[in-house]
């Protein structure tokens, strides 16, 4: 009976969960940079599509959003991709 209790009472160690599930800082930065690039491409694409559909307000809004995202590495230097650095 004691063997049955030990098999069903398998509570994970909280310290192991935190360290194993947290990605390293470099991985987090790479994911953030990827997300910023994806949002930048999406904003520019939506701006162009809105211009083609003659939705001027939406096109202007997404164009401004695209320009703000384009300048974000100047404000947040961590977002600048090392491959794109001058």
N, C-alpha and C. Protein backbone atom coordinates (compact mmCIF):
# COMPACT_ATOMS: atom_id res chain seq x y z
N UNK A 1 0.81 -1.18 0.00
CA UNK A 1 0.00 0.00 0.00
C UNK A 1 0.86 1.25 0.00
N UNK A 2 2.00 1.18 0.64
CA UNK A 2 2.89 2.34 0.68
C UNK A 2 3.43 2.65 -0.71
N UNK A 3 3.62 1.63 -1.52
CA UNK A 3 4.12 1.85 -2.87
C UNK A 3 3.07 2.57 -3.72
N UNK A 4 1.78 2.30 -3.48
CA UNK A 4 0.73 2.97 -4.22
C UNK A 4 0.68 4.46 -3.89
N UNK A 5 0.89 4.80 -2.62
CA UNK A 5 0.85 6.21 -2.22
C UNK A 5 2.01 6.98 -2.81
N UNK A 6 3.17 6.38 -2.89
CA UNK A 6 4.33 7.09 -3.44
C UNK A 6 4.19 7.28 -4.95
N UNK A 7 3.49 6.36 -5.62
CA UNK A 7 3.31 6.49 -7.05
C UNK A 7 2.30 7.59 -7.38
N UNK A 8 1.28 7.75 -6.54
CA UNK A 8 0.27 8.76 -6.82
C UNK A 8 0.64 10.13 -6.26
N UNK A 9 1.52 10.17 -5.28
CA UNK A 9 1.90 11.44 -4.65
C UNK A 9 3.22 11.93 -5.23
N UNK A 10 3.18 12.32 -6.47
CA UNK A 10 4.38 12.82 -7.15
C UNK A 10 4.24 14.33 -7.35
N UNK A 11 4.53 15.05 -6.32
CA UNK A 11 4.46 16.51 -6.46
C UNK A 11 5.80 17.01 -6.99
N UNK A 12 5.77 17.80 -8.05
CA UNK A 12 7.02 18.29 -8.64
C UNK A 12 7.71 19.29 -7.71
N UNK A 13 9.01 19.35 -7.85
CA UNK A 13 9.80 20.29 -7.07
C UNK A 13 9.65 21.68 -7.67
N UNK A 14 9.15 22.67 -6.92
CA UNK A 14 8.93 24.01 -7.49
C UNK A 14 10.22 24.67 -7.98
N UNK A 15 11.33 24.41 -7.35
CA UNK A 15 12.59 25.03 -7.78
C UNK A 15 13.01 24.52 -9.16
N UNK A 16 12.78 23.26 -9.43
CA UNK A 16 13.14 22.70 -10.73
C UNK A 16 12.25 23.24 -11.83
N UNK A 17 10.97 23.48 -11.52
CA UNK A 17 10.05 24.00 -12.53
C UNK A 17 10.45 25.39 -12.99
N UNK A 18 10.83 26.24 -12.06
CA UNK A 18 11.15 27.62 -12.39
C UNK A 18 12.42 27.69 -13.23
N UNK A 19 13.44 26.94 -12.88
CA UNK A 19 14.70 27.02 -13.61
C UNK A 19 14.62 26.33 -14.97
N UNK A 20 13.83 25.27 -15.08
CA UNK A 20 13.79 24.56 -16.35
C UNK A 20 12.89 25.24 -17.38
N UNK A 21 11.85 25.98 -16.93
CA UNK A 21 10.93 26.57 -17.88
C UNK A 21 11.33 27.98 -18.30
N UNK A 22 12.22 28.63 -17.57
CA UNK A 22 12.61 29.99 -17.91
C UNK A 22 13.71 29.97 -18.97
N UNK A 23 13.46 30.60 -20.13
CA UNK A 23 14.50 30.64 -21.15
C UNK A 23 15.60 31.62 -20.78
N UNK A 24 16.79 31.43 -21.31
CA UNK A 24 17.88 32.36 -21.01
C UNK A 24 17.58 33.75 -21.56
N UNK A 25 18.33 34.73 -21.09
CA UNK A 25 18.10 36.12 -21.48
C UNK A 25 18.29 36.32 -22.98
N UNK A 26 19.27 35.65 -23.57
CA UNK A 26 19.49 35.79 -25.02
C UNK A 26 18.30 35.27 -25.82
N UNK A 27 17.72 34.20 -25.35
CA UNK A 27 16.56 33.62 -26.03
C UNK A 27 15.37 34.57 -25.94
N UNK A 28 15.19 35.19 -24.76
CA UNK A 28 14.09 36.14 -24.60
C UNK A 28 14.28 37.34 -25.52
N UNK A 29 15.49 37.86 -25.60
CA UNK A 29 15.74 38.99 -26.48
C UNK A 29 15.51 38.63 -27.94
N UNK A 30 15.90 37.43 -28.32
CA UNK A 30 15.67 36.99 -29.70
C UNK A 30 14.18 36.90 -30.00
N UNK A 31 13.40 36.40 -29.05
CA UNK A 31 11.96 36.32 -29.26
C UNK A 31 11.32 37.70 -29.31
N UNK A 32 11.79 38.62 -28.48
CA UNK A 32 11.26 39.99 -28.49
C UNK A 32 11.60 40.66 -29.81
N UNK A 33 12.84 40.49 -30.28
CA UNK A 33 13.23 41.08 -31.57
C UNK A 33 12.39 40.51 -32.71
N UNK A 34 12.14 39.21 -32.66
CA UNK A 34 11.31 38.58 -33.68
C UNK A 34 9.89 39.14 -33.65
N UNK A 35 9.34 39.31 -32.45
CA UNK A 35 7.99 39.85 -32.31
C UNK A 35 7.91 41.29 -32.83
N UNK A 36 8.94 42.09 -32.56
CA UNK A 36 8.95 43.47 -33.05
C UNK A 36 9.02 43.48 -34.57
N UNK A 37 9.85 42.61 -35.14
CA UNK A 37 9.93 42.53 -36.60
C UNK A 37 8.59 42.10 -37.20
N UNK A 38 7.93 41.14 -36.56
CA UNK A 38 6.64 40.67 -37.06
C UNK A 38 5.59 41.77 -37.00
N UNK A 39 5.58 42.54 -35.93
CA UNK A 39 4.61 43.64 -35.81
C UNK A 39 4.93 44.72 -36.83
N UNK A 40 6.22 44.96 -37.06
CA UNK A 40 6.63 45.98 -38.04
C UNK A 40 6.16 45.59 -39.45
N UNK A 41 6.36 44.34 -39.83
CA UNK A 41 5.94 43.87 -41.15
C UNK A 41 4.41 43.90 -41.26
N UNK A 42 3.73 43.50 -40.19
CA UNK A 42 2.27 43.50 -40.21
C UNK A 42 1.72 44.91 -40.35
N UNK A 43 2.29 45.86 -39.61
CA UNK A 43 1.80 47.24 -39.68
C UNK A 43 2.01 47.83 -41.08
N UNK A 44 3.16 47.56 -41.67
CA UNK A 44 3.40 48.11 -43.00
C UNK A 44 2.50 47.46 -44.05
N UNK A 45 2.26 46.17 -43.91
CA UNK A 45 1.38 45.47 -44.85
C UNK A 45 -0.05 45.97 -44.75
N UNK A 46 -0.53 46.14 -43.53
CA UNK A 46 -1.89 46.64 -43.34
C UNK A 46 -2.00 48.07 -43.85
N UNK A 47 -0.96 48.88 -43.67
CA UNK A 47 -0.98 50.25 -44.19
C UNK A 47 -1.10 50.27 -45.71
N UNK A 48 -0.35 49.42 -46.37
CA UNK A 48 -0.41 49.37 -47.84
C UNK A 48 -1.77 48.87 -48.31
N UNK A 49 -2.29 47.84 -47.67
CA UNK A 49 -3.60 47.31 -48.05
C UNK A 49 -4.69 48.37 -47.82
N UNK A 50 -4.59 49.11 -46.72
CA UNK A 50 -5.57 50.15 -46.44
C UNK A 50 -5.48 51.27 -47.48
N UNK A 51 -4.28 51.59 -47.92
CA UNK A 51 -4.13 52.60 -48.98
C UNK A 51 -4.77 52.12 -50.28
N UNK A 52 -4.57 50.86 -50.61
CA UNK A 52 -5.15 50.31 -51.84
C UNK A 52 -6.68 50.28 -51.78
N UNK A 53 -7.22 50.10 -50.57
CA UNK A 53 -8.68 50.08 -50.41
C UNK A 53 -9.24 51.47 -50.16
N UNK A 54 -8.38 52.47 -50.20
CA UNK A 54 -8.72 53.88 -50.02
C UNK A 54 -9.35 54.15 -48.65
N UNK A 55 -8.83 53.48 -47.65
CA UNK A 55 -9.22 53.74 -46.27
C UNK A 55 -8.13 54.63 -45.66
N UNK A 56 -8.28 55.91 -45.82
CA UNK A 56 -7.21 56.86 -45.54
C UNK A 56 -6.86 56.93 -44.05
N UNK A 57 -7.85 56.89 -43.19
CA UNK A 57 -7.58 57.01 -41.75
C UNK A 57 -6.81 55.78 -41.26
N UNK A 58 -7.25 54.61 -41.66
CA UNK A 58 -6.56 53.38 -41.25
C UNK A 58 -5.15 53.34 -41.84
N UNK A 59 -5.01 53.77 -43.08
CA UNK A 59 -3.69 53.78 -43.71
C UNK A 59 -2.75 54.73 -42.98
N UNK A 60 -3.26 55.90 -42.60
CA UNK A 60 -2.43 56.86 -41.87
C UNK A 60 -2.07 56.32 -40.48
N UNK A 61 -3.02 55.70 -39.82
CA UNK A 61 -2.76 55.17 -38.48
C UNK A 61 -1.71 54.07 -38.51
N UNK A 62 -1.83 53.14 -39.44
CA UNK A 62 -0.86 52.05 -39.51
C UNK A 62 0.49 52.53 -40.05
N UNK A 63 0.49 53.57 -40.86
CA UNK A 63 1.76 54.14 -41.30
C UNK A 63 2.50 54.78 -40.15
N UNK A 64 1.78 55.50 -39.31
CA UNK A 64 2.40 56.11 -38.13
C UNK A 64 2.89 55.03 -37.17
N UNK A 65 2.09 53.98 -37.00
CA UNK A 65 2.51 52.87 -36.14
C UNK A 65 3.77 52.21 -36.69
N UNK A 66 3.83 52.05 -38.00
CA UNK A 66 5.01 51.45 -38.62
C UNK A 66 6.24 52.32 -38.40
N UNK A 67 6.08 53.63 -38.55
CA UNK A 67 7.21 54.54 -38.33
C UNK A 67 7.67 54.54 -36.87
N UNK A 68 6.73 54.46 -35.95
CA UNK A 68 7.11 54.40 -34.53
C UNK A 68 7.85 53.10 -34.21
N UNK A 69 7.37 52.00 -34.77
CA UNK A 69 8.04 50.72 -34.53
C UNK A 69 9.41 50.71 -35.20
N UNK A 70 9.52 51.36 -36.34
CA UNK A 70 10.79 51.44 -37.05
C UNK A 70 11.84 52.18 -36.22
N UNK A 71 11.41 53.18 -35.47
CA UNK A 71 12.34 53.95 -34.64
C UNK A 71 12.53 53.42 -33.24
N UNK A 72 11.86 52.33 -32.89
CA UNK A 72 11.95 51.80 -31.53
C UNK A 72 13.35 51.35 -31.12
N UNK A 73 14.21 50.83 -32.01
CA UNK A 73 15.55 50.47 -31.56
C UNK A 73 16.39 51.67 -31.10
N UNK A 74 16.06 52.86 -31.56
CA UNK A 74 16.78 54.04 -31.08
C UNK A 74 16.41 54.36 -29.64
N UNK A 75 15.15 54.12 -29.29
CA UNK A 75 14.69 54.37 -27.93
C UNK A 75 15.09 53.23 -27.01
N UNK A 76 14.96 52.00 -27.49
CA UNK A 76 15.29 50.81 -26.72
C UNK A 76 16.45 50.09 -27.42
N UNK A 77 17.69 50.38 -27.04
CA UNK A 77 18.84 49.80 -27.75
C UNK A 77 18.89 48.27 -27.70
N UNK A 78 18.24 47.64 -26.73
CA UNK A 78 18.24 46.18 -26.68
C UNK A 78 17.50 45.56 -27.86
N UNK A 79 16.59 46.33 -28.47
CA UNK A 79 15.84 45.81 -29.61
C UNK A 79 16.65 45.78 -30.89
N UNK A 80 17.77 46.50 -30.91
CA UNK A 80 18.58 46.54 -32.13
C UNK A 80 19.24 45.19 -32.35
N UNK A 81 19.05 44.65 -33.53
CA UNK A 81 19.61 43.36 -33.87
C UNK A 81 21.11 43.49 -34.06
N UNK A 82 21.92 42.62 -33.47
CA UNK A 82 23.37 42.73 -33.62
C UNK A 82 23.82 42.63 -35.09
N UNK A 83 23.07 41.91 -35.91
CA UNK A 83 23.42 41.78 -37.32
C UNK A 83 23.16 43.09 -38.09
N UNK A 84 22.21 43.90 -37.59
CA UNK A 84 21.89 45.16 -38.26
C UNK A 84 22.69 46.35 -37.74
N UNK A 85 23.51 46.12 -36.72
CA UNK A 85 24.28 47.22 -36.12
C UNK A 85 25.30 47.76 -37.12
N UNK A 86 25.46 49.11 -37.14
CA UNK A 86 26.42 49.69 -38.11
C UNK A 86 27.86 49.41 -37.75
